[in-house]
Amino acid sequence: MSMKATLRQVDSIIVIDMSGRITLGEGCTQLRELVREQLGKGKKELLLNLADITYIDSSGIGELVSAFTTVSNQGGQLKLLNLTKKVHDLLQITKLYTVFDVHDDEAKAIGTFGKAAGA
């Protein structure tokens, strides 16, 4: 099963509900194109809901980092929501957990957008 993503907008934030696998090749490419597409439309506040991601490999993790960097470089914010234990553990192992702004409550996550770090 490949990755599926559905988009919805909450206030100015694009929530991307993702399911399936983020792996080398298809899932990664999809994620990259999704992020590019949103940035192209001027949507710079992205919340990736990973609750239904069944599998992610190191390329998938790399793609998350890349998406985060791309959005940040354009003055936007990319945050993660509802990590599965597997994704959480992978981020811990790779020391990337602290790179991301990770949430487990969508409403709270939405409320953190637009606030500069340390503001």
PDB file of N, CA and C in Angstrom:
ATOM      1  N   MET A   1       0.841  -1.198   0.000  1.00  0.00           N
ATOM      2  CA  MET A   1       0.000   0.000   0.000  1.00  0.00           C
ATOM      3  C   MET A   1       0.875   1.247   0.000  1.00  0.00           C
ATOM      4  N   SER A   2       0.623   2.129  -0.910  1.00  0.00           N
ATOM      5  CA  SER A   2       1.435   3.338  -0.947  1.00  0.00           C
ATOM      6  C   SER A   2       0.812   4.404  -0.053  1.00  0.00           C
ATOM      7  N   MET A   3       1.439   5.541  -0.011  1.00  0.00           N
ATOM      8  CA  MET A   3       0.961   6.612   0.843  1.00  0.00           C
ATOM      9  C   MET A   3      -0.253   7.312   0.238  1.00  0.00           C
ATOM     10  N   LYS A   4      -1.191   7.650   1.108  1.00  0.00           N
ATOM     11  CA  LYS A   4      -2.313   8.482   0.674  1.00  0.00           C
ATOM     12  C   LYS A   4      -2.302   9.730   1.533  1.00  0.00           C
ATOM     13  N   ALA A   5      -2.744  10.825   0.969  1.00  0.00           N
ATOM     14  CA  ALA A   5      -2.801  12.058   1.743  1.00  0.00           C
ATOM     15  C   ALA A   5      -4.070  12.814   1.400  1.00  0.00           C
ATOM     16  N   THR A   6      -4.737  13.301   2.419  1.00  0.00           N
ATOM     17  CA  THR A   6      -5.878  14.183   2.177  1.00  0.00           C
ATOM     18  C   THR A   6      -5.595  15.492   2.891  1.00  0.00           C
ATOM     19  N   LEU A   7      -6.005  16.567   2.245  1.00  0.00           N
ATOM     20  CA  LEU A   7      -5.715  17.887   2.792  1.00  0.00           C
ATOM     21  C   LEU A   7      -6.985  18.551   3.274  1.00  0.00           C
ATOM     22  N   ARG A   8      -6.871  19.240   4.374  1.00  0.00           N
ATOM     23  CA  ARG A   8      -7.978  20.079   4.824  1.00  0.00           C
ATOM     24  C   ARG A   8      -7.374  21.334   5.420  1.00  0.00           C
ATOM     25  N   GLN A   9      -8.155  22.393   5.404  1.00  0.00           N
ATOM     26  CA  GLN A   9      -7.635  23.652   5.905  1.00  0.00           C
ATOM     27  C   GLN A   9      -8.343  24.022   7.205  1.00  0.00           C
ATOM     28  N   VAL A  10      -7.565  24.351   8.216  1.00  0.00           N
ATOM     29  CA  VAL A  10      -8.111  24.820   9.486  1.00  0.00           C
ATOM     30  C   VAL A  10      -7.502  26.196   9.716  1.00  0.00           C
ATOM     31  N   ASP A  11      -8.346  27.229   9.722  1.00  0.00           N
ATOM     32  CA  ASP A  11      -7.842  28.606   9.728  1.00  0.00           C
ATOM     33  C   ASP A  11      -6.896  28.762   8.536  1.00  0.00           C
ATOM     34  N   SER A  12      -5.667  29.194   8.799  1.00  0.00           N
ATOM     35  CA  SER A  12      -4.740  29.366   7.672  1.00  0.00           C
ATOM     36  C   SER A  12      -3.826  28.156   7.526  1.00  0.00           C
ATOM     37  N   ILE A  13      -4.079  27.140   8.330  1.00  0.00           N
ATOM     38  CA  ILE A  13      -3.171  25.995   8.378  1.00  0.00           C
ATOM     39  C   ILE A  13      -3.681  24.858   7.503  1.00  0.00           C
ATOM     40  N   ILE A  14      -2.773  24.266   6.750  1.00  0.00           N
ATOM     41  CA  ILE A  14      -3.114  23.100   5.944  1.00  0.00           C
ATOM     42  C   ILE A  14      -2.766  21.860   6.752  1.00  0.00           C
ATOM     43  N   VAL A  15      -3.797  21.071   7.067  1.00  0.00           N
ATOM     44  CA  VAL A  15      -3.565  19.806   7.762  1.00  0.00           C
ATOM     45  C   VAL A  15      -3.531  18.711   6.708  1.00  0.00           C
ATOM     46  N   ILE A  16      -2.447  17.947   6.719  1.00  0.00           N
ATOM     47  CA  ILE A  16      -2.297  16.870   5.750  1.00  0.00           C
ATOM     48  C   ILE A  16      -2.408  15.543   6.494  1.00  0.00           C
ATOM     49  N   ASP A  17      -3.548  14.868   6.289  1.00  0.00           N
ATOM     50  CA  ASP A  17      -3.759  13.564   6.920  1.00  0.00           C
ATOM     51  C   ASP A  17      -3.128  12.509   6.031  1.00  0.00           C
ATOM     52  N   MET A  18      -2.114  11.847   6.558  1.00  0.00           N
ATOM     53  CA  MET A  18      -1.371  10.887   5.750  1.00  0.00           C
ATOM     54  C   MET A  18      -1.628   9.472   6.229  1.00  0.00           C
ATOM     55  N   SER A  19      -1.666   8.530   5.294  1.00  0.00           N
ATOM     56  CA  SER A  19      -1.816   7.133   5.674  1.00  0.00           C
ATOM     57  C   SER A  19      -0.978   6.265   4.747  1.00  0.00           C
ATOM     58  N   GLY A  20      -0.670   5.061   5.224  1.00  0.00           N
ATOM     59  CA  GLY A  20       0.130   4.145   4.413  1.00  0.00           C
ATOM     60  C   GLY A  20       1.603   4.227   4.754  1.00  0.00           C
ATOM     61  N   ARG A  21       2.431   4.189   3.727  1.00  0.00           N
ATOM     62  CA  ARG A  21       3.876   4.075   3.920  1.00  0.00           C
ATOM     63  C   ARG A  21       4.618   5.285   3.335  1.00  0.00           C
ATOM     64  N   ILE A  22       5.599   5.761   4.085  1.00  0.00           N
ATOM     65  CA  ILE A  22       6.497   6.785   3.529  1.00  0.00           C
ATOM     66  C   ILE A  22       7.854   6.106   3.383  1.00  0.00           C
ATOM     67  N   THR A  23       8.144   5.684   2.169  1.00  0.00           N
ATOM     68  CA  THR A  23       9.381   4.936   1.932  1.00  0.00           C
ATOM     69  C   THR A  23      10.096   5.484   0.710  1.00  0.00           C
ATOM     70  N   LEU A  24      11.292   5.003   0.511  1.00  0.00           N
ATOM     71  CA  LEU A  24      12.096   5.403  -0.635  1.00  0.00           C
ATOM     72  C   LEU A  24      11.261   5.260  -1.893  1.00  0.00           C
ATOM     73  N   GLY A  25      11.291   6.290  -2.721  1.00  0.00           N
ATOM     74  CA  GLY A  25      10.495   6.215  -3.941  1.00  0.00           C
ATOM     75  C   GLY A  25       9.148   6.887  -3.750  1.00  0.00           C
ATOM     76  N   GLU A  26       8.093   6.101  -3.906  1.00  0.00           N
ATOM     77  CA  GLU A  26       6.766   6.678  -4.038  1.00  0.00           C
ATOM     78  C   GLU A  26       6.322   7.605  -2.910  1.00  0.00           C
ATOM     79  N   GLY A  27       6.327   7.101  -1.679  1.00  0.00           N
ATOM     80  CA  GLY A  27       5.847   7.908  -0.556  1.00  0.00           C
ATOM     81  C   GLY A  27       6.625   9.200  -0.396  1.00  0.00           C
ATOM     82  N   CYS A  28       7.938   9.092  -0.532  1.00  0.00           N
ATOM     83  CA  CYS A  28       8.802  10.266  -0.386  1.00  0.00           C
ATOM     84  C   CYS A  28       8.510  11.303  -1.463  1.00  0.00           C
ATOM     85  N   THR A  29       8.380  10.828  -2.696  1.00  0.00           N
ATOM     86  CA  THR A  29       8.124  11.734  -3.812  1.00  0.00           C
ATOM     87  C   THR A  29       6.791  12.454  -3.623  1.00  0.00           C
ATOM     88  N   GLN A  30       5.789  11.687  -3.205  1.00  0.00           N
ATOM     89  CA  GLN A  30       4.462  12.261  -2.976  1.00  0.00           C
ATOM     90  C   GLN A  30       4.522  13.363  -1.928  1.00  0.00           C
ATOM     91  N   LEU A  31       5.212  13.060  -0.837  1.00  0.00           N
ATOM     92  CA  LEU A  31       5.314  14.017   0.258  1.00  0.00           C
ATOM     93  C   LEU A  31       6.005  15.293  -0.224  1.00  0.00           C
ATOM     94  N   ARG A  32       7.104  15.123  -0.964  1.00  0.00           N
ATOM     95  CA  ARG A  32       7.862  16.272  -1.458  1.00  0.00           C
ATOM     96  C   ARG A  32       6.993  17.140  -2.366  1.00  0.00           C
ATOM     97  N   GLU A  33       6.249  16.489  -3.266  1.00  0.00           N
ATOM     98  CA  GLU A  33       5.414  17.243  -4.201  1.00  0.00           C
ATOM     99  C   GLU A  33       4.275  17.959  -3.497  1.00  0.00           C
ATOM    100  N   LEU A  34       3.711  17.295  -2.496  1.00  0.00           N
ATOM    101  CA  LEU A  34       2.636  17.902  -1.707  1.00  0.00           C
ATOM    102  C   LEU A  34       3.102  19.195  -1.048  1.00  0.00           C
ATOM    103  N   VAL A  35       4.262  19.107  -0.419  1.00  0.00           N
ATOM    104  CA  VAL A  35       4.813  20.263   0.296  1.00  0.00           C
ATOM    105  C   VAL A  35       5.129  21.388  -0.688  1.00  0.00           C
ATOM    106  N   ARG A  36       5.772  21.040  -1.800  1.00  0.00           N
ATOM    107  CA  ARG A  36       6.099  22.043  -2.827  1.00  0.00           C
ATOM    108  C   ARG A  36       4.853  22.735  -3.343  1.00  0.00           C
ATOM    109  N   GLU A  37       3.829  21.910  -3.585  1.00  0.00           N
ATOM    110  CA  GLU A  37       2.574  22.425  -4.121  1.00  0.00           C
ATOM    111  C   GLU A  37       1.953  23.452  -3.165  1.00  0.00           C
ATOM    112  N   GLN A  38       1.947  23.125  -1.881  1.00  0.00           N
ATOM    113  CA  GLN A  38       1.362  24.034  -0.892  1.00  0.00           C
ATOM    114  C   GLN A  38       2.167  25.330  -0.793  1.00  0.00           C
ATOM    115  N   LEU A  39       3.486  25.198  -0.785  1.00  0.00           N
ATOM    116  CA  LEU A  39       4.339  26.393  -0.729  1.00  0.00           C
ATOM    117  C   LEU A  39       4.110  27.256  -1.968  1.00  0.00           C
ATOM    118  N   GLY A  40       3.931  26.596  -3.097  1.00  0.00           N
ATOM    119  CA  GLY A  40       3.676  27.304  -4.344  1.00  0.00           C
ATOM    120  C   GLY A  40       2.394  28.116  -4.291  1.00  0.00           C
ATOM    121  N   LYS A  41       1.452  27.655  -3.487  1.00  0.00           N
ATOM    122  CA  LYS A  41       0.182  28.373  -3.338  1.00  0.00           C
ATOM    123  C   LYS A  41       0.262  29.399  -2.213  1.00  0.00           C
ATOM    124  N   GLY A  42       1.458  29.531  -1.628  1.00  0.00           N
ATOM    125  CA  GLY A  42       1.611  30.493  -0.536  1.00  0.00           C
ATOM    126  C   GLY A  42       1.153  29.960   0.803  1.00  0.00           C
ATOM    127  N   LYS A  43       0.896  28.662   0.879  1.00  0.00           N
ATOM    128  CA  LYS A  43       0.501  28.041   2.152  1.00  0.00           C
ATOM    129  C   LYS A  43       1.761  27.580   2.862  1.00  0.00           C
ATOM    130  N   LYS A  44       2.091  28.274   3.930  1.00  0.00           N
ATOM    131  CA  LYS A  44       3.375  27.983   4.574  1.00  0.00           C
ATOM    132  C   LYS A  44       3.238  27.405   5.978  1.00  0.00           C
ATOM    133  N   GLU A  45       2.003  27.137   6.381  1.00  0.00           N
ATOM    134  CA  GLU A  45       1.804  26.541   7.701  1.00  0.00           C
ATOM    135  C   GLU A  45       1.209  25.157   7.496  1.00  0.00           C
ATOM    136  N   LEU A  46       2.047  24.146   7.683  1.00  0.00           N
ATOM    137  CA  LEU A  46       1.647  22.784   7.383  1.00  0.00           C
ATOM    138  C   LEU A  46       1.715  21.913   8.637  1.00  0.00           C
ATOM    139  N   LEU A  47       0.681  21.122   8.829  1.00  0.00           N
ATOM    140  CA  LEU A  47       0.634  20.184   9.945  1.00  0.00           C
ATOM    141  C   LEU A  47       0.454  18.787   9.362  1.00  0.00           C
ATOM    142  N   LEU A  48       1.470  17.937   9.546  1.00  0.00           N
ATOM    143  CA  LEU A  48       1.410  16.583   8.998  1.00  0.00           C
ATOM    144  C   LEU A  48       0.867  15.644  10.051  1.00  0.00           C
ATOM    145  N   ASN A  49      -0.299  15.077   9.777  1.00  0.00           N
ATOM    146  CA  ASN A  49      -0.906  14.122  10.694  1.00  0.00           C
ATOM    147  C   ASN A  49      -0.463  12.712  10.300  1.00  0.00           C
ATOM    148  N   LEU A  50       0.376  12.107  11.138  1.00  0.00           N
ATOM    149  CA  LEU A  50       0.987  10.824  10.794  1.00  0.00           C
ATOM    150  C   LEU A  50       0.305   9.646  11.492  1.00  0.00           C
ATOM    151  N   ALA A  51      -0.877   9.862  12.037  1.00  0.00           N
ATOM    152  CA  ALA A  51      -1.559   8.824  12.830  1.00  0.00           C
ATOM    153  C   ALA A  51      -1.725   7.509  12.076  1.00  0.00           C
ATOM    154  N   ASP A  52      -1.986   7.585  10.768  1.00  0.00           N
ATOM    155  CA  ASP A  52      -2.262   6.368  10.008  1.00  0.00           C
ATOM    156  C   ASP A  52      -1.102   5.921   9.125  1.00  0.00           C
ATOM    157  N   ILE A  53       0.084   6.424   9.444  1.00  0.00           N
ATOM    158  CA  ILE A  53       1.273   5.949   8.719  1.00  0.00           C
ATOM    159  C   ILE A  53       1.636   4.580   9.281  1.00  0.00           C
ATOM    160  N   THR A  54       1.617   3.563   8.418  1.00  0.00           N
ATOM    161  CA  THR A  54       1.871   2.200   8.887  1.00  0.00           C
ATOM    162  C   THR A  54       3.360   1.873   8.891  1.00  0.00           C
ATOM    163  N   TYR A  55       4.114   2.547   8.047  1.00  0.00           N
ATOM    164  CA  TYR A  55       5.545   2.247   7.965  1.00  0.00           C
ATOM    165  C   TYR A  55       6.289   3.445   7.405  1.00  0.00           C
ATOM    166  N   ILE A  56       7.458   3.690   7.981  1.00  0.00           N
ATOM    167  CA  ILE A  56       8.320   4.741   7.437  1.00  0.00           C
ATOM    168  C   ILE A  56       9.748   4.214   7.496  1.00  0.00           C
ATOM    169  N   ASP A  57      10.526   4.445   6.458  1.00  0.00           N
ATOM    170  CA  ASP A  57      11.923   4.000   6.495  1.00  0.00           C
ATOM    171  C   ASP A  57      12.832   5.222   6.626  1.00  0.00           C
ATOM    172  N   SER A  58      14.133   4.993   6.594  1.00  0.00           N
ATOM    173  CA  SER A  58      15.065   6.098   6.803  1.00  0.00           C
ATOM    174  C   SER A  58      14.926   7.160   5.716  1.00  0.00           C
ATOM    175  N   SER A  59      14.559   6.731   4.505  1.00  0.00           N
ATOM    176  CA  SER A  59      14.335   7.711   3.436  1.00  0.00           C
ATOM    177  C   SER A  59      13.121   8.577   3.756  1.00  0.00           C
ATOM    178  N   GLY A  60      12.112   7.952   4.340  1.00  0.00           N
ATOM    179  CA  GLY A  60      10.916   8.685   4.737  1.00  0.00           C
ATOM    180  C   GLY A  60      11.229   9.718   5.805  1.00  0.00           C
ATOM    181  N   ILE A  61      12.047   9.304   6.771  1.00  0.00           N
ATOM    182  CA  ILE A  61      12.475  10.242   7.820  1.00  0.00           C
ATOM    183  C   ILE A  61      13.254  11.389   7.180  1.00  0.00           C
ATOM    184  N   GLY A  62      14.146  11.038   6.254  1.00  0.00           N
ATOM    185  CA  GLY A  62      14.928  12.050   5.543  1.00  0.00           C
ATOM    186  C   GLY A  62      14.027  13.032   4.813  1.00  0.00           C
ATOM    187  N   GLU A  63      12.951  12.509   4.253  1.00  0.00           N
ATOM    188  CA  GLU A  63      12.012  13.345   3.504  1.00  0.00           C
ATOM    189  C   GLU A  63      11.260  14.295   4.442  1.00  0.00           C
ATOM    190  N   LEU A  64      10.942  13.817   5.637  1.00  0.00           N
ATOM    191  CA  LEU A  64      10.302  14.691   6.634  1.00  0.00           C
ATOM    192  C   LEU A  64      11.236  15.850   6.991  1.00  0.00           C
ATOM    193  N   VAL A  65      12.507  15.513   7.189  1.00  0.00           N
ATOM    194  CA  VAL A  65      13.498  16.545   7.516  1.00  0.00           C
ATOM    195  C   VAL A  65      13.630  17.538   6.376  1.00  0.00           C
ATOM    196  N   SER A  66      13.680  17.009   5.161  1.00  0.00           N
ATOM    197  CA  SER A  66      13.794  17.843   3.975  1.00  0.00           C
ATOM    198  C   SER A  66      12.594  18.779   3.835  1.00  0.00           C
ATOM    199  N   ALA A  67      11.392  18.241   4.083  1.00  0.00           N
ATOM    200  CA  ALA A  67      10.174  19.047   4.016  1.00  0.00           C
ATOM    201  C   ALA A  67      10.221  20.158   5.063  1.00  0.00           C
ATOM    202  N   PHE A  68      10.657  19.778   6.266  1.00  0.00           N
ATOM    203  CA  PHE A  68      10.771  20.741   7.364  1.00  0.00           C
ATOM    204  C   PHE A  68      11.716  21.889   6.984  1.00  0.00           C
ATOM    205  N   THR A  69      12.860  21.513   6.421  1.00  0.00           N
ATOM    206  CA  THR A  69      13.869  22.494   6.022  1.00  0.00           C
ATOM    207  C   THR A  69      13.353  23.405   4.919  1.00  0.00           C
ATOM    208  N   THR A  70      12.717  22.808   3.911  1.00  0.00           N
ATOM    209  CA  THR A  70      12.177  23.575   2.787  1.00  0.00           C
ATOM    210  C   THR A  70      11.173  24.615   3.266  1.00  0.00           C
ATOM    211  N   VAL A  71      10.250  24.167   4.128  1.00  0.00           N
ATOM    212  CA  VAL A  71       9.212  25.069   4.637  1.00  0.00           C
ATOM    213  C   VAL A  71       9.843  26.170   5.499  1.00  0.00           C
ATOM    214  N   SER A  72      10.768  25.787   6.373  1.00  0.00           N
ATOM    215  CA  SER A  72      11.440  26.769   7.239  1.00  0.00           C
ATOM    216  C   SER A  72      12.189  27.814   6.429  1.00  0.00           C
ATOM    217  N   ASN A  73      12.868  27.355   5.376  1.00  0.00           N
ATOM    218  CA  ASN A  73      13.637  28.274   4.520  1.00  0.00           C
ATOM    219  C   ASN A  73      12.749  29.281   3.809  1.00  0.00           C
ATOM    220  N   GLN A  74      11.477  28.954   3.675  1.00  0.00           N
ATOM    221  CA  GLN A  74      10.537  29.875   3.031  1.00  0.00           C
ATOM    222  C   GLN A  74       9.766  30.686   4.072  1.00  0.00           C
ATOM    223  N   GLY A  75      10.230  30.622   5.304  1.00  0.00           N
ATOM    224  CA  GLY A  75       9.595  31.397   6.361  1.00  0.00           C
ATOM    225  C   GLY A  75       8.324  30.778   6.898  1.00  0.00           C
ATOM    226  N   GLY A  76       8.141  29.493   6.623  1.00  0.00           N
ATOM    227  CA  GLY A  76       6.935  28.824   7.107  1.00  0.00           C
ATOM    228  C   GLY A  76       7.209  27.930   8.300  1.00  0.00           C
ATOM    229  N   GLN A  77       6.190  27.179   8.675  1.00  0.00           N
ATOM    230  CA  GLN A  77       6.325  26.241   9.786  1.00  0.00           C
ATOM    231  C   GLN A  77       5.719  24.906   9.387  1.00  0.00           C
ATOM    232  N   LEU A  78       6.456  23.828   9.667  1.00  0.00           N
ATOM    233  CA  LEU A  78       5.934  22.496   9.446  1.00  0.00           C
ATOM    234  C   LEU A  78       6.001  21.766  10.775  1.00  0.00           C
ATOM    235  N   LYS A  79       4.867  21.201  11.186  1.00  0.00           N
ATOM    236  CA  LYS A  79       4.800  20.502  12.462  1.00  0.00           C
ATOM    237  C   LYS A  79       4.240  19.110  12.256  1.00  0.00           C
ATOM    238  N   LEU A  80       4.517  18.258  13.227  1.00  0.00           N
ATOM    239  CA  LEU A  80       4.068  16.870  13.129  1.00  0.00           C
ATOM    240  C   LEU A  80       3.010  16.582  14.187  1.00  0.00           C
ATOM    241  N   LEU A  81       2.050  15.758  13.809  1.00  0.00           N
ATOM    242  CA  LEU A  81       0.933  15.431  14.690  1.00  0.00           C
ATOM    243  C   LEU A  81       0.746  13.923  14.751  1.00  0.00           C
ATOM    244  N   ASN A  82       0.404  13.433  15.943  1.00  0.00           N
ATOM    245  CA  ASN A  82       0.025  12.027  16.126  1.00  0.00           C
ATOM    246  C   ASN A  82       1.046  11.033  15.582  1.00  0.00           C
ATOM    247  N   LEU A  83       2.254  11.094  16.109  1.00  0.00           N
ATOM    248  CA  LEU A  83       3.256  10.120  15.691  1.00  0.00           C
ATOM    249  C   LEU A  83       2.877   8.745  16.215  1.00  0.00           C
ATOM    250  N   THR A  84       3.025   7.741  15.375  1.00  0.00           N
ATOM    251  CA  THR A  84       2.875   6.370  15.866  1.00  0.00           C
ATOM    252  C   THR A  84       4.131   6.050  16.669  1.00  0.00           C
ATOM    253  N   LYS A  85       4.067   4.997  17.461  1.00  0.00           N
ATOM    254  CA  LYS A  85       5.213   4.635  18.291  1.00  0.00           C
ATOM    255  C   LYS A  85       6.442   4.399  17.409  1.00  0.00           C
ATOM    256  N   LYS A  86       6.219   3.760  16.276  1.00  0.00           N
ATOM    257  CA  LYS A  86       7.328   3.438  15.369  1.00  0.00           C
ATOM    258  C   LYS A  86       8.031   4.703  14.870  1.00  0.00           C
ATOM    259  N   VAL A  87       7.240   5.674  14.439  1.00  0.00           N
ATOM    260  CA  VAL A  87       7.811   6.922  13.921  1.00  0.00           C
ATOM    261  C   VAL A  87       8.502   7.673  15.059  1.00  0.00           C
ATOM    262  N   HIS A  88       7.844   7.705  16.206  1.00  0.00           N
ATOM    263  CA  HIS A  88       8.408   8.369  17.383  1.00  0.00           C
ATOM    264  C   HIS A  88       9.774   7.767  17.725  1.00  0.00           C
ATOM    265  N   ASP A  89       9.826   6.436  17.777  1.00  0.00           N
ATOM    266  CA  ASP A  89      11.073   5.750  18.125  1.00  0.00           C
ATOM    267  C   ASP A  89      12.171   6.033  17.102  1.00  0.00           C
ATOM    268  N   LEU A  90      11.796   6.024  15.818  1.00  0.00           N
ATOM    269  CA  LEU A  90      12.777   6.300  14.764  1.00  0.00           C
ATOM    270  C   LEU A  90      13.346   7.712  14.907  1.00  0.00           C
ATOM    271  N   LEU A  91      12.475   8.661  15.216  1.00  0.00           N
ATOM    272  CA  LEU A  91      12.936  10.042  15.378  1.00  0.00           C
ATOM    273  C   LEU A  91      13.844  10.171  16.603  1.00  0.00           C
ATOM    274  N   GLN A  92      13.527   9.408  17.652  1.00  0.00           N
ATOM    275  CA  GLN A  92      14.371   9.430  18.853  1.00  0.00           C
ATOM    276  C   GLN A  92      15.755   8.861  18.537  1.00  0.00           C
ATOM    277  N   ILE A  93      15.769   7.704  17.879  1.00  0.00           N
ATOM    278  CA  ILE A  93      17.023   7.021  17.555  1.00  0.00           C
ATOM    279  C   ILE A  93      17.916   7.902  16.689  1.00  0.00           C
ATOM    280  N   THR A  94      17.302   8.579  15.728  1.00  0.00           N
ATOM    281  CA  THR A  94      18.087   9.390  14.788  1.00  0.00           C
ATOM    282  C   THR A  94      18.353  10.791  15.339  1.00  0.00           C
ATOM    283  N   LYS A  95      17.945  11.032  16.588  1.00  0.00           N
ATOM    284  CA  LYS A  95      18.170  12.319  17.264  1.00  0.00           C
ATOM    285  C   LYS A  95      17.444  13.481  16.564  1.00  0.00           C
ATOM    286  N   LEU A  96      16.400  13.148  15.805  1.00  0.00           N
ATOM    287  CA  LEU A  96      15.702  14.195  15.054  1.00  0.00           C
ATOM    288  C   LEU A  96      14.437  14.646  15.772  1.00  0.00           C
ATOM    289  N   TYR A  97      14.118  13.943  16.864  1.00  0.00           N
ATOM    290  CA  TYR A  97      12.875  14.270  17.566  1.00  0.00           C
ATOM    291  C   TYR A  97      12.833  15.735  17.977  1.00  0.00           C
ATOM    292  N   THR A  98      13.982  16.251  18.407  1.00  0.00           N
ATOM    293  CA  THR A  98      14.035  17.635  18.893  1.00  0.00           C
ATOM    294  C   THR A  98      14.011  18.662  17.759  1.00  0.00           C
ATOM    295  N   VAL A  99      14.254  18.210  16.539  1.00  0.00           N
ATOM    296  CA  VAL A  99      14.238  19.117  15.387  1.00  0.00           C
ATOM    297  C   VAL A  99      12.811  19.574  15.118  1.00  0.00           C
ATOM    298  N   PHE A 100      11.882  18.626  15.253  1.00  0.00           N
ATOM    299  CA  PHE A 100      10.498  18.890  14.901  1.00  0.00           C
ATOM    300  C   PHE A 100       9.693  19.417  16.084  1.00  0.00           C
ATOM    301  N   ASP A 101       8.641  20.128  15.745  1.00  0.00           N
ATOM    302  CA  ASP A 101       7.649  20.527  16.729  1.00  0.00           C
ATOM    303  C   ASP A 101       6.569  19.450  16.651  1.00  0.00           C
ATOM    304  N   VAL A 102       6.526  18.587  17.668  1.00  0.00           N
ATOM    305  CA  VAL A 102       5.668  17.410  17.631  1.00  0.00           C
ATOM    306  C   VAL A 102       4.494  17.564  18.593  1.00  0.00           C
ATOM    307  N   HIS A 103       3.308  17.229  18.128  1.00  0.00           N
ATOM    308  CA  HIS A 103       2.095  17.369  18.949  1.00  0.00           C
ATOM    309  C   HIS A 103       1.253  16.112  18.910  1.00  0.00           C
ATOM    310  N   ASP A 104       0.419  15.926  19.942  1.00  0.00           N
ATOM    311  CA  ASP A 104      -0.519  14.807  19.892  1.00  0.00           C
ATOM    312  C   ASP A 104      -1.961  15.287  20.054  1.00  0.00           C
ATOM    313  N   ASP A 105      -2.140  16.598  19.999  1.00  0.00           N
ATOM    314  CA  ASP A 105      -3.486  17.161  20.092  1.00  0.00           C
ATOM    315  C   ASP A 105      -3.623  18.187  18.973  1.00  0.00           C
ATOM    316  N   GLU A 106      -4.526  17.913  18.045  1.00  0.00           N
ATOM    317  CA  GLU A 106      -4.617  18.762  16.852  1.00  0.00           C
ATOM    318  C   GLU A 106      -4.961  20.216  17.179  1.00  0.00           C
ATOM    319  N   ALA A 107      -5.936  20.404  18.066  1.00  0.00           N
ATOM    320  CA  ALA A 107      -6.354  21.780  18.388  1.00  0.00           C
ATOM    321  C   ALA A 107      -5.195  22.571  18.994  1.00  0.00           C
ATOM    322  N   LYS A 108      -4.453  21.925  19.874  1.00  0.00           N
ATOM    323  CA  LYS A 108      -3.295  22.601  20.494  1.00  0.00           C
ATOM    324  C   LYS A 108      -2.237  22.893  19.450  1.00  0.00           C
ATOM    325  N   ALA A 109      -2.012  21.930  18.568  1.00  0.00           N
ATOM    326  CA  ALA A 109      -1.002  22.103  17.518  1.00  0.00           C
ATOM    327  C   ALA A 109      -1.372  23.315  16.658  1.00  0.00           C
ATOM    328  N   ILE A 110      -2.634  23.404  16.270  1.00  0.00           N
ATOM    329  CA  ILE A 110      -3.110  24.513  15.440  1.00  0.00           C
ATOM    330  C   ILE A 110      -2.823  25.836  16.148  1.00  0.00           C
ATOM    331  N   GLY A 111      -3.035  25.839  17.459  1.00  0.00           N
ATOM    332  CA  GLY A 111      -2.837  27.055  18.240  1.00  0.00           C
ATOM    333  C   GLY A 111      -1.401  27.517  18.351  1.00  0.00           C
ATOM    334  N   THR A 112      -0.443  26.624  18.029  1.00  0.00           N
ATOM    335  CA  THR A 112       0.959  27.006  18.167  1.00  0.00           C
ATOM    336  C   THR A 112       1.517  27.662  16.899  1.00  0.00           C
ATOM    337  N   PHE A 113       0.744  27.628  15.808  1.00  0.00           N
ATOM    338  CA  PHE A 113       1.241  28.229  14.567  1.00  0.00           C
ATOM    339  C   PHE A 113       1.249  29.756  14.670  1.00  0.00           C
ATOM    340  N   GLY A 114       2.182  30.347  13.945  1.00  0.00           N
ATOM    341  CA  GLY A 114       2.223  31.799  13.887  1.00  0.00           C
ATOM    342  C   GLY A 114       2.946  32.439  15.059  1.00  0.00           C
ATOM    343  N   LYS A 115       3.281  31.597  16.045  1.00  0.00           N
ATOM    344  CA  LYS A 115       4.040  32.125  17.180  1.00  0.00           C
ATOM    345  C   LYS A 115       5.506  31.835  16.904  1.00  0.00           C
ATOM    346  N   ALA A 116       6.295  32.865  16.930  1.00  0.00           N
ATOM    347  CA  ALA A 116       7.725  32.680  16.698  1.00  0.00           C
ATOM    348  C   ALA A 116       8.297  31.921  17.891  1.00  0.00           C
ATOM    349  N   ALA A 117       9.322  31.147  17.631  1.00  0.00           N
ATOM    350  CA  ALA A 117       9.965  30.398  18.711  1.00  0.00           C
ATOM    351  C   ALA A 117      10.450  31.382  19.770  1.00  0.00           C
ATOM    352  N   GLY A 118      10.131  31.067  20.998  1.00  0.00           N
ATOM    353  CA  GLY A 118      10.595  31.911  22.101  1.00  0.00           C
ATOM    354  C   GLY A 118       9.784  33.172  22.301  1.00  0.00           C
ATOM    355  N   ALA A 119       8.744  33.380  21.487  1.00  0.00           N
ATOM    356  CA  ALA A 119       7.935  34.594  21.628  1.00  0.00           C
ATOM    357  C   ALA A 119       6.965  34.436  22.784  1.00  0.00           C
TER     358      ALA A 119
END
